Amino acid sequence: MPILTAILNALFSFLGILVKNPFVIKMAIFSLFVGLVLAALTFFFGLVTPYVVNLPLLGIAYALGIMDALKLYFTIIIAGFGVKQVVGFVKATG
């Protein structure tokens, strides 16, 4: 048990040092942002997909990959906006 306590103390002290670094904080914020965007896109495409598949004309488009194309398009647009925001954030606080 004392070995586990020592390991946890060392780990938490190392994490405490990392958290004080502004670059690490920026990376954490960026990864959280990307995760939230991915979760939101997955949620919305999960809502829209059943309606698209059930329509006859859009069912063919779905079979041809229109949903994958839209997901890729939205990902590129959101990623470009996110990178722009991150670069502005780094310039402002760097």
PDB file of N, CA and C in Angstrom:
ATOM      1  N   MET A   1       0.816  -1.201   0.000  1.00  0.00           N
ATOM      2  CA  MET A   1       0.000   0.000   0.000  1.00  0.00           C
ATOM      3  C   MET A   1       0.862   1.268   0.000  1.00  0.00           C
ATOM      4  N   PRO A   2       1.972   1.315   0.753  1.00  0.00           N
ATOM      5  CA  PRO A   2       2.788   2.532   0.703  1.00  0.00           C
ATOM      6  C   PRO A   2       3.410   2.764  -0.685  1.00  0.00           C
ATOM      7  N   ILE A   3       3.648   1.676  -1.431  1.00  0.00           N
ATOM      8  CA  ILE A   3       4.215   1.848  -2.772  1.00  0.00           C
ATOM      9  C   ILE A   3       3.189   2.508  -3.691  1.00  0.00           C
ATOM     10  N   LEU A   4       1.930   2.092  -3.569  1.00  0.00           N
ATOM     11  CA  LEU A   4       0.870   2.690  -4.373  1.00  0.00           C
ATOM     12  C   LEU A   4       0.707   4.174  -4.042  1.00  0.00           C
ATOM     13  N   THR A   5       0.797   4.504  -2.775  1.00  0.00           N
ATOM     14  CA  THR A   5       0.693   5.905  -2.355  1.00  0.00           C
ATOM     15  C   THR A   5       1.844   6.721  -2.916  1.00  0.00           C
ATOM     16  N   ALA A   6       3.039   6.170  -2.890  1.00  0.00           N
ATOM     17  CA  ALA A   6       4.198   6.882  -3.432  1.00  0.00           C
ATOM     18  C   ALA A   6       4.059   7.089  -4.941  1.00  0.00           C
ATOM     19  N   ILE A   7       3.580   6.065  -5.635  1.00  0.00           N
ATOM     20  CA  ILE A   7       3.404   6.186  -7.080  1.00  0.00           C
ATOM     21  C   ILE A   7       2.347   7.242  -7.403  1.00  0.00           C
ATOM     22  N   LEU A   8       1.233   7.226  -6.673  1.00  0.00           N
ATOM     23  CA  LEU A   8       0.184   8.217  -6.907  1.00  0.00           C
ATOM     24  C   LEU A   8       0.662   9.635  -6.593  1.00  0.00           C
ATOM     25  N   ASN A   9       1.432   9.793  -5.518  1.00  0.00           N
ATOM     26  CA  ASN A   9       1.975  11.110  -5.183  1.00  0.00           C
ATOM     27  C   ASN A   9       2.909  11.610  -6.276  1.00  0.00           C
ATOM     28  N   ALA A  10       3.754  10.723  -6.791  1.00  0.00           N
ATOM     29  CA  ALA A  10       4.669  11.119  -7.867  1.00  0.00           C
ATOM     30  C   ALA A  10       3.890  11.490  -9.131  1.00  0.00           C
ATOM     31  N   LEU A  11       2.867  10.700  -9.446  1.00  0.00           N
ATOM     32  CA  LEU A  11       2.065  10.976 -10.633  1.00  0.00           C
ATOM     33  C   LEU A  11       1.331  12.307 -10.510  1.00  0.00           C
ATOM     34  N   PHE A  12       0.728  12.560  -9.360  1.00  0.00           N
ATOM     35  CA  PHE A  12      -0.006  13.808  -9.180  1.00  0.00           C
ATOM     36  C   PHE A  12       0.921  15.019  -9.146  1.00  0.00           C
ATOM     37  N   SER A  13       2.108  14.881  -8.596  1.00  0.00           N
ATOM     38  CA  SER A  13       3.043  16.006  -8.615  1.00  0.00           C
ATOM     39  C   SER A  13       3.508  16.291 -10.042  1.00  0.00           C
ATOM     40  N   PHE A  14       3.721  15.232 -10.838  1.00  0.00           N
ATOM     41  CA  PHE A  14       4.097  15.417 -12.237  1.00  0.00           C
ATOM     42  C   PHE A  14       2.969  16.091 -13.007  1.00  0.00           C
ATOM     43  N   LEU A  15       1.728  15.655 -12.777  1.00  0.00           N
ATOM     44  CA  LEU A  15       0.588  16.283 -13.434  1.00  0.00           C
ATOM     45  C   LEU A  15       0.405  17.732 -12.989  1.00  0.00           C
ATOM     46  N   GLY A  16       0.720  18.022 -11.741  1.00  0.00           N
ATOM     47  CA  GLY A  16       0.639  19.392 -11.240  1.00  0.00           C
ATOM     48  C   GLY A  16       1.614  20.306 -11.953  1.00  0.00           C
ATOM     49  N   ILE A  17       2.790  19.782 -12.246  1.00  0.00           N
ATOM     50  CA  ILE A  17       3.785  20.563 -12.989  1.00  0.00           C
ATOM     51  C   ILE A  17       3.312  20.778 -14.425  1.00  0.00           C
ATOM     52  N   LEU A  18       2.740  19.739 -15.030  1.00  0.00           N
ATOM     53  CA  LEU A  18       2.266  19.858 -16.410  1.00  0.00           C
ATOM     54  C   LEU A  18       1.125  20.850 -16.552  1.00  0.00           C
ATOM     55  N   VAL A  19       0.238  20.877 -15.577  1.00  0.00           N
ATOM     56  CA  VAL A  19      -0.928  21.753 -15.661  1.00  0.00           C
ATOM     57  C   VAL A  19      -0.517  23.221 -15.624  1.00  0.00           C
ATOM     58  N   LYS A  20       0.599  23.522 -15.031  1.00  0.00           N
ATOM     59  CA  LYS A  20       1.060  24.907 -14.974  1.00  0.00           C
ATOM     60  C   LYS A  20       1.622  25.386 -16.306  1.00  0.00           C
ATOM     61  N   ASN A  21       1.907  24.455 -17.217  1.00  0.00           N
ATOM     62  CA  ASN A  21       2.443  24.810 -18.520  1.00  0.00           C
ATOM     63  C   ASN A  21       1.293  25.258 -19.426  1.00  0.00           C
ATOM     64  N   PRO A  22       1.354  26.487 -19.981  1.00  0.00           N
ATOM     65  CA  PRO A  22       0.236  26.965 -20.805  1.00  0.00           C
ATOM     66  C   PRO A  22       0.059  26.175 -22.102  1.00  0.00           C
ATOM     67  N   PHE A  23       1.119  25.618 -22.659  1.00  0.00           N
ATOM     68  CA  PHE A  23       1.010  24.838 -23.890  1.00  0.00           C
ATOM     69  C   PHE A  23       0.217  23.560 -23.650  1.00  0.00           C
ATOM     70  N   VAL A  24       0.419  22.938 -22.499  1.00  0.00           N
ATOM     71  CA  VAL A  24      -0.322  21.719 -22.162  1.00  0.00           C
ATOM     72  C   VAL A  24      -1.800  22.035 -21.974  1.00  0.00           C
ATOM     73  N   ILE A  25      -2.095  23.155 -21.378  1.00  0.00           N
ATOM     74  CA  ILE A  25      -3.486  23.566 -21.188  1.00  0.00           C
ATOM     75  C   ILE A  25      -4.154  23.817 -22.545  1.00  0.00           C
ATOM     76  N   LYS A  26      -3.414  24.446 -23.471  1.00  0.00           N
ATOM     77  CA  LYS A  26      -3.964  24.688 -24.803  1.00  0.00           C
ATOM     78  C   LYS A  26      -4.229  23.375 -25.524  1.00  0.00           C
ATOM     79  N   MET A  27      -3.338  22.410 -25.381  1.00  0.00           N
ATOM     80  CA  MET A  27      -3.554  21.105 -26.006  1.00  0.00           C
ATOM     81  C   MET A  27      -4.777  20.417 -25.413  1.00  0.00           C
ATOM     82  N   ALA A  28      -4.965  20.548 -24.114  1.00  0.00           N
ATOM     83  CA  ALA A  28      -6.128  19.931 -23.468  1.00  0.00           C
ATOM     84  C   ALA A  28      -7.424  20.578 -23.943  1.00  0.00           C
ATOM     85  N   ILE A  29      -7.422  21.896 -24.066  1.00  0.00           N
ATOM     86  CA  ILE A  29      -8.613  22.598 -24.543  1.00  0.00           C
ATOM     87  C   ILE A  29      -8.911  22.199 -25.983  1.00  0.00           C
ATOM     88  N   PHE A  30      -7.883  22.109 -26.824  1.00  0.00           N
ATOM     89  CA  PHE A  30      -8.076  21.744 -28.221  1.00  0.00           C
ATOM     90  C   PHE A  30      -8.608  20.318 -28.349  1.00  0.00           C
ATOM     91  N   SER A  31      -8.057  19.387 -27.567  1.00  0.00           N
ATOM     92  CA  SER A  31      -8.546  18.007 -27.649  1.00  0.00           C
ATOM     93  C   SER A  31      -9.980  17.896 -27.147  1.00  0.00           C
ATOM     94  N   LEU A  32     -10.332  18.665 -26.133  1.00  0.00           N
ATOM     95  CA  LEU A  32     -11.715  18.694 -25.664  1.00  0.00           C
ATOM     96  C   LEU A  32     -12.644  19.252 -26.746  1.00  0.00           C
ATOM     97  N   PHE A  33     -12.214  20.304 -27.413  1.00  0.00           N
ATOM     98  CA  PHE A  33     -13.000  20.901 -28.492  1.00  0.00           C
ATOM     99  C   PHE A  33     -13.217  19.911 -29.630  1.00  0.00           C
ATOM    100  N   VAL A  34     -12.168  19.235 -30.052  1.00  0.00           N
ATOM    101  CA  VAL A  34     -12.280  18.262 -31.139  1.00  0.00           C
ATOM    102  C   VAL A  34     -13.190  17.107 -30.729  1.00  0.00           C
ATOM    103  N   GLY A  35     -13.086  16.654 -29.500  1.00  0.00           N
ATOM    104  CA  GLY A  35     -13.957  15.584 -29.017  1.00  0.00           C
ATOM    105  C   GLY A  35     -15.415  15.991 -28.990  1.00  0.00           C
ATOM    106  N   LEU A  36     -15.684  17.212 -28.571  1.00  0.00           N
ATOM    107  CA  LEU A  36     -17.070  17.696 -28.551  1.00  0.00           C
ATOM    108  C   LEU A  36     -17.641  17.847 -29.962  1.00  0.00           C
ATOM    109  N   VAL A  37     -16.813  18.319 -30.892  1.00  0.00           N
ATOM    110  CA  VAL A  37     -17.265  18.445 -32.279  1.00  0.00           C
ATOM    111  C   VAL A  37     -17.575  17.070 -32.862  1.00  0.00           C
ATOM    112  N   LEU A  38     -16.713  16.095 -32.615  1.00  0.00           N
ATOM    113  CA  LEU A  38     -16.940  14.748 -33.119  1.00  0.00           C
ATOM    114  C   LEU A  38     -18.207  14.144 -32.519  1.00  0.00           C
ATOM    115  N   ALA A  39     -18.413  14.337 -31.228  1.00  0.00           N
ATOM    116  CA  ALA A  39     -19.614  13.811 -30.588  1.00  0.00           C
ATOM    117  C   ALA A  39     -20.868  14.480 -31.144  1.00  0.00           C
ATOM    118  N   ALA A  40     -20.814  15.787 -31.365  1.00  0.00           N
ATOM    119  CA  ALA A  40     -21.976  16.494 -31.912  1.00  0.00           C
ATOM    120  C   ALA A  40     -22.282  16.041 -33.334  1.00  0.00           C
ATOM    121  N   LEU A  41     -21.261  15.888 -34.166  1.00  0.00           N
ATOM    122  CA  LEU A  41     -21.495  15.421 -35.535  1.00  0.00           C
ATOM    123  C   LEU A  41     -22.068  14.012 -35.552  1.00  0.00           C
ATOM    124  N   THR A  42     -21.535  13.144 -34.726  1.00  0.00           N
ATOM    125  CA  THR A  42     -22.043  11.778 -34.662  1.00  0.00           C
ATOM    126  C   THR A  42     -23.500  11.759 -34.206  1.00  0.00           C
ATOM    127  N   PHE A  43     -23.824  12.583 -33.224  1.00  0.00           N
ATOM    128  CA  PHE A  43     -25.194  12.659 -32.730  1.00  0.00           C
ATOM    129  C   PHE A  43     -26.158  13.147 -33.810  1.00  0.00           C
ATOM    130  N   PHE A  44     -25.803  14.244 -34.480  1.00  0.00           N
ATOM    131  CA  PHE A  44     -26.699  14.797 -35.490  1.00  0.00           C
ATOM    132  C   PHE A  44     -26.831  13.882 -36.704  1.00  0.00           C
ATOM    133  N   PHE A  45     -25.753  13.253 -37.120  1.00  0.00           N
ATOM    134  CA  PHE A  45     -25.867  12.325 -38.240  1.00  0.00           C
ATOM    135  C   PHE A  45     -26.649  11.080 -37.841  1.00  0.00           C
ATOM    136  N   GLY A  46     -26.592  10.696 -36.588  1.00  0.00           N
ATOM    137  CA  GLY A  46     -27.421   9.594 -36.115  1.00  0.00           C
ATOM    138  C   GLY A  46     -28.898   9.942 -36.135  1.00  0.00           C
ATOM    139  N   LEU A  47     -29.214  11.213 -35.898  1.00  0.00           N
ATOM    140  CA  LEU A  47     -30.602  11.657 -35.970  1.00  0.00           C
ATOM    141  C   LEU A  47     -31.106  11.749 -37.412  1.00  0.00           C
ATOM    142  N   VAL A  48     -30.260  12.198 -38.312  1.00  0.00           N
ATOM    143  CA  VAL A  48     -30.680  12.473 -39.683  1.00  0.00           C
ATOM    144  C   VAL A  48     -30.702  11.208 -40.547  1.00  0.00           C
ATOM    145  N   THR A  49     -29.807  10.275 -40.294  1.00  0.00           N
ATOM    146  CA  THR A  49     -29.653   9.102 -41.159  1.00  0.00           C
ATOM    147  C   THR A  49     -30.937   8.297 -41.346  1.00  0.00           C
ATOM    148  N   PRO A  50     -31.730   7.990 -40.328  1.00  0.00           N
ATOM    149  CA  PRO A  50     -32.957   7.212 -40.577  1.00  0.00           C
ATOM    150  C   PRO A  50     -33.944   7.909 -41.509  1.00  0.00           C
ATOM    151  N   TYR A  51     -34.023   9.229 -41.435  1.00  0.00           N
ATOM    152  CA  TYR A  51     -34.938   9.954 -42.315  1.00  0.00           C
ATOM    153  C   TYR A  51     -34.438   9.951 -43.756  1.00  0.00           C
ATOM    154  N   VAL A  52     -33.135  10.038 -43.930  1.00  0.00           N
ATOM    155  CA  VAL A  52     -32.568  10.052 -45.276  1.00  0.00           C
ATOM    156  C   VAL A  52     -32.710   8.681 -45.927  1.00  0.00           C
ATOM    157  N   VAL A  53     -32.494   7.625 -45.165  1.00  0.00           N
ATOM    158  CA  VAL A  53     -32.548   6.274 -45.724  1.00  0.00           C
ATOM    159  C   VAL A  53     -33.971   5.899 -46.133  1.00  0.00           C
ATOM    160  N   ASN A  54     -34.964   6.382 -45.410  1.00  0.00           N
ATOM    161  CA  ASN A  54     -36.353   6.003 -45.696  1.00  0.00           C
ATOM    162  C   ASN A  54     -36.947   6.703 -46.910  1.00  0.00           C
ATOM    163  N   LEU A  55     -36.376   7.806 -47.345  1.00  0.00           N
ATOM    164  CA  LEU A  55     -36.868   8.479 -48.546  1.00  0.00           C
ATOM    165  C   LEU A  55     -36.283   7.790 -49.780  1.00  0.00           C
ATOM    166  N   PRO A  56     -37.113   7.488 -50.777  1.00  0.00           N
ATOM    167  CA  PRO A  56     -36.622   6.691 -51.916  1.00  0.00           C
ATOM    168  C   PRO A  56     -35.479   7.348 -52.685  1.00  0.00           C
ATOM    169  N   LEU A  57     -35.611   8.625 -52.997  1.00  0.00           N
ATOM    170  CA  LEU A  57     -34.578   9.290 -53.782  1.00  0.00           C
ATOM    171  C   LEU A  57     -33.303   9.489 -52.958  1.00  0.00           C
ATOM    172  N   LEU A  58     -33.474   9.851 -51.707  1.00  0.00           N
ATOM    173  CA  LEU A  58     -32.299  10.050 -50.859  1.00  0.00           C
ATOM    174  C   LEU A  58     -31.686   8.733 -50.415  1.00  0.00           C
ATOM    175  N   GLY A  59     -32.458   7.646 -50.466  1.00  0.00           N
ATOM    176  CA  GLY A  59     -31.903   6.334 -50.144  1.00  0.00           C
ATOM    177  C   GLY A  59     -30.817   5.939 -51.126  1.00  0.00           C
ATOM    178  N   ILE A  60     -31.027   6.269 -52.388  1.00  0.00           N
ATOM    179  CA  ILE A  60     -30.001   6.003 -53.400  1.00  0.00           C
ATOM    180  C   ILE A  60     -28.769   6.863 -53.135  1.00  0.00           C
ATOM    181  N   ALA A  61     -28.992   8.122 -52.794  1.00  0.00           N
ATOM    182  CA  ALA A  61     -27.871   9.011 -52.487  1.00  0.00           C
ATOM    183  C   ALA A  61     -27.110   8.510 -51.269  1.00  0.00           C
ATOM    184  N   TYR A  62     -27.848   7.991 -50.291  1.00  0.00           N
ATOM    185  CA  TYR A  62     -27.192   7.442 -49.104  1.00  0.00           C
ATOM    186  C   TYR A  62     -26.345   6.231 -49.474  1.00  0.00           C
ATOM    187  N   ALA A  63     -26.869   5.392 -50.364  1.00  0.00           N
ATOM    188  CA  ALA A  63     -26.114   4.213 -50.807  1.00  0.00           C
ATOM    189  C   ALA A  63     -24.865   4.620 -51.569  1.00  0.00           C
ATOM    190  N   LEU A  64     -24.910   5.763 -52.234  1.00  0.00           N
ATOM    191  CA  LEU A  64     -23.749   6.233 -52.986  1.00  0.00           C
ATOM    192  C   LEU A  64     -22.750   7.003 -52.112  1.00  0.00           C
ATOM    193  N   GLY A  65     -23.083   7.209 -50.843  1.00  0.00           N
ATOM    194  CA  GLY A  65     -22.127   7.799 -49.914  1.00  0.00           C
ATOM    195  C   GLY A  65     -22.307   9.271 -49.639  1.00  0.00           C
ATOM    196  N   ILE A  66     -23.503   9.803 -49.823  1.00  0.00           N
ATOM    197  CA  ILE A  66     -23.718  11.227 -49.600  1.00  0.00           C
ATOM    198  C   ILE A  66     -23.538  11.603 -48.130  1.00  0.00           C
ATOM    199  N   MET A  67     -23.918  10.715 -47.219  1.00  0.00           N
ATOM    200  CA  MET A  67     -23.758  11.032 -45.796  1.00  0.00           C
ATOM    201  C   MET A  67     -22.282  11.071 -45.409  1.00  0.00           C
ATOM    202  N   ASP A  68     -21.491  10.169 -45.961  1.00  0.00           N
ATOM    203  CA  ASP A  68     -20.055  10.202 -45.691  1.00  0.00           C
ATOM    204  C   ASP A  68     -19.431  11.473 -46.254  1.00  0.00           C
ATOM    205  N   ALA A  69     -19.888  11.871 -47.436  1.00  0.00           N
ATOM    206  CA  ALA A  69     -19.368  13.098 -48.038  1.00  0.00           C
ATOM    207  C   ALA A  69     -19.749  14.320 -47.208  1.00  0.00           C
ATOM    208  N   LEU A  70     -20.985  14.357 -46.738  1.00  0.00           N
ATOM    209  CA  LEU A  70     -21.403  15.484 -45.892  1.00  0.00           C
ATOM    210  C   LEU A  70     -20.629  15.511 -44.577  1.00  0.00           C
ATOM    211  N   LYS A  71     -20.418  14.333 -43.999  1.00  0.00           N
ATOM    212  CA  LYS A  71     -19.671  14.277 -42.748  1.00  0.00           C
ATOM    213  C   LYS A  71     -18.239  14.770 -42.955  1.00  0.00           C
ATOM    214  N   LEU A  72     -17.622  14.376 -44.056  1.00  0.00           N
ATOM    215  CA  LEU A  72     -16.275  14.837 -44.371  1.00  0.00           C
ATOM    216  C   LEU A  72     -16.252  16.344 -44.602  1.00  0.00           C
ATOM    217  N   TYR A  73     -17.241  16.853 -45.331  1.00  0.00           N
ATOM    218  CA  TYR A  73     -17.326  18.289 -45.596  1.00  0.00           C
ATOM    219  C   TYR A  73     -17.468  19.089 -44.295  1.00  0.00           C
ATOM    220  N   PHE A  74     -18.399  18.679 -43.442  1.00  0.00           N
ATOM    221  CA  PHE A  74     -18.586  19.392 -42.176  1.00  0.00           C
ATOM    222  C   PHE A  74     -17.358  19.282 -41.282  1.00  0.00           C
ATOM    223  N   THR A  75     -16.707  18.142 -41.300  1.00  0.00           N
ATOM    224  CA  THR A  75     -15.500  17.980 -40.496  1.00  0.00           C
ATOM    225  C   THR A  75     -14.407  18.934 -40.963  1.00  0.00           C
ATOM    226  N   ILE A  76     -14.239  19.075 -42.276  1.00  0.00           N
ATOM    227  CA  ILE A  76     -13.218  19.990 -42.806  1.00  0.00           C
ATOM    228  C   ILE A  76     -13.550  21.437 -42.454  1.00  0.00           C
ATOM    229  N   ILE A  77     -14.816  21.809 -42.599  1.00  0.00           N
ATOM    230  CA  ILE A  77     -15.224  23.185 -42.280  1.00  0.00           C
ATOM    231  C   ILE A  77     -15.006  23.489 -40.795  1.00  0.00           C
ATOM    232  N   ILE A  78     -15.449  22.588 -39.939  1.00  0.00           N
ATOM    233  CA  ILE A  78     -15.326  22.811 -38.497  1.00  0.00           C
ATOM    234  C   ILE A  78     -13.868  22.755 -38.066  1.00  0.00           C
ATOM    235  N   ALA A  79     -13.088  21.844 -38.653  1.00  0.00           N
ATOM    236  CA  ALA A  79     -11.671  21.758 -38.303  1.00  0.00           C
ATOM    237  C   ALA A  79     -10.931  23.021 -38.724  1.00  0.00           C
ATOM    238  N   GLY A  80     -11.256  23.554 -39.902  1.00  0.00           N
ATOM    239  CA  GLY A  80     -10.632  24.808 -40.335  1.00  0.00           C
ATOM    240  C   GLY A  80     -10.966  25.953 -39.400  1.00  0.00           C
ATOM    241  N   PHE A  81     -12.220  26.030 -38.992  1.00  0.00           N
ATOM    242  CA  PHE A  81     -12.612  27.063 -38.040  1.00  0.00           C
ATOM    243  C   PHE A  81     -11.913  26.855 -36.694  1.00  0.00           C
ATOM    244  N   GLY A  82     -11.825  25.594 -36.265  1.00  0.00           N
ATOM    245  CA  GLY A  82     -11.166  25.298 -34.986  1.00  0.00           C
ATOM    246  C   GLY A  82      -9.700  25.649 -35.007  1.00  0.00           C
ATOM    247  N   VAL A  83      -9.014  25.336 -36.103  1.00  0.00           N
ATOM    248  CA  VAL A  83      -7.593  25.672 -36.210  1.00  0.00           C
ATOM    249  C   VAL A  83      -7.409  27.179 -36.194  1.00  0.00           C
ATOM    250  N   LYS A  84      -8.277  27.892 -36.883  1.00  0.00           N
ATOM    251  CA  LYS A  84      -8.209  29.357 -36.876  1.00  0.00           C
ATOM    252  C   LYS A  84      -8.367  29.902 -35.460  1.00  0.00           C
ATOM    253  N   GLN A  85      -9.310  29.343 -34.716  1.00  0.00           N
ATOM    254  CA  GLN A  85      -9.524  29.791 -33.348  1.00  0.00           C
ATOM    255  C   GLN A  85      -8.347  29.449 -32.446  1.00  0.00           C
ATOM    256  N   VAL A  86      -7.796  28.249 -32.634  1.00  0.00           N
ATOM    257  CA  VAL A  86      -6.655  27.837 -31.809  1.00  0.00           C
ATOM    258  C   VAL A  86      -5.446  28.710 -32.090  1.00  0.00           C
ATOM    259  N   VAL A  87      -5.187  29.012 -33.366  1.00  0.00           N
ATOM    260  CA  VAL A  87      -4.052  29.878 -33.703  1.00  0.00           C
ATOM    261  C   VAL A  87      -4.249  31.259 -33.098  1.00  0.00           C
ATOM    262  N   GLY A  88      -5.454  31.790 -33.169  1.00  0.00           N
ATOM    263  CA  GLY A  88      -5.743  33.068 -32.526  1.00  0.00           C
ATOM    264  C   GLY A  88      -5.572  33.006 -31.019  1.00  0.00           C
ATOM    265  N   PHE A  89      -5.956  31.877 -30.420  1.00  0.00           N
ATOM    266  CA  PHE A  89      -5.803  31.700 -28.973  1.00  0.00           C
ATOM    267  C   PHE A  89      -4.334  31.633 -28.589  1.00  0.00           C
ATOM    268  N   VAL A  90      -3.537  30.928 -29.393  1.00  0.00           N
ATOM    269  CA  VAL A  90      -2.107  30.818 -29.111  1.00  0.00           C
ATOM    270  C   VAL A  90      -1.429  32.171 -29.250  1.00  0.00           C
ATOM    271  N   LYS A  91      -1.811  32.926 -30.272  1.00  0.00           N
ATOM    272  CA  LYS A  91      -1.223  34.271 -30.458  1.00  0.00           C
ATOM    273  C   LYS A  91      -1.594  35.199 -29.305  1.00  0.00           C
ATOM    274  N   ALA A  92      -2.824  35.092 -28.838  1.00  0.00           N
ATOM    275  CA  ALA A  92      -3.297  35.998 -27.786  1.00  0.00           C
ATOM    276  C   ALA A  92      -2.657  35.691 -26.440  1.00  0.00           C
ATOM    277  N   THR A  93      -2.424  34.417 -26.144  1.00  0.00           N
ATOM    278  CA  THR A  93      -1.894  34.078 -24.832  1.00  0.00           C
ATOM    279  C   THR A  93      -0.415  33.714 -24.858  1.00  0.00           C
ATOM    280  N   GLY A  94       0.154  33.576 -26.045  1.00  0.00           N
ATOM    281  CA  GLY A  94       1.552  33.141 -26.163  1.00  0.00           C
ATOM    282  C   GLY A  94       2.489  34.254 -25.919  1.00  0.00           C
TER     283      GLY A  94
END
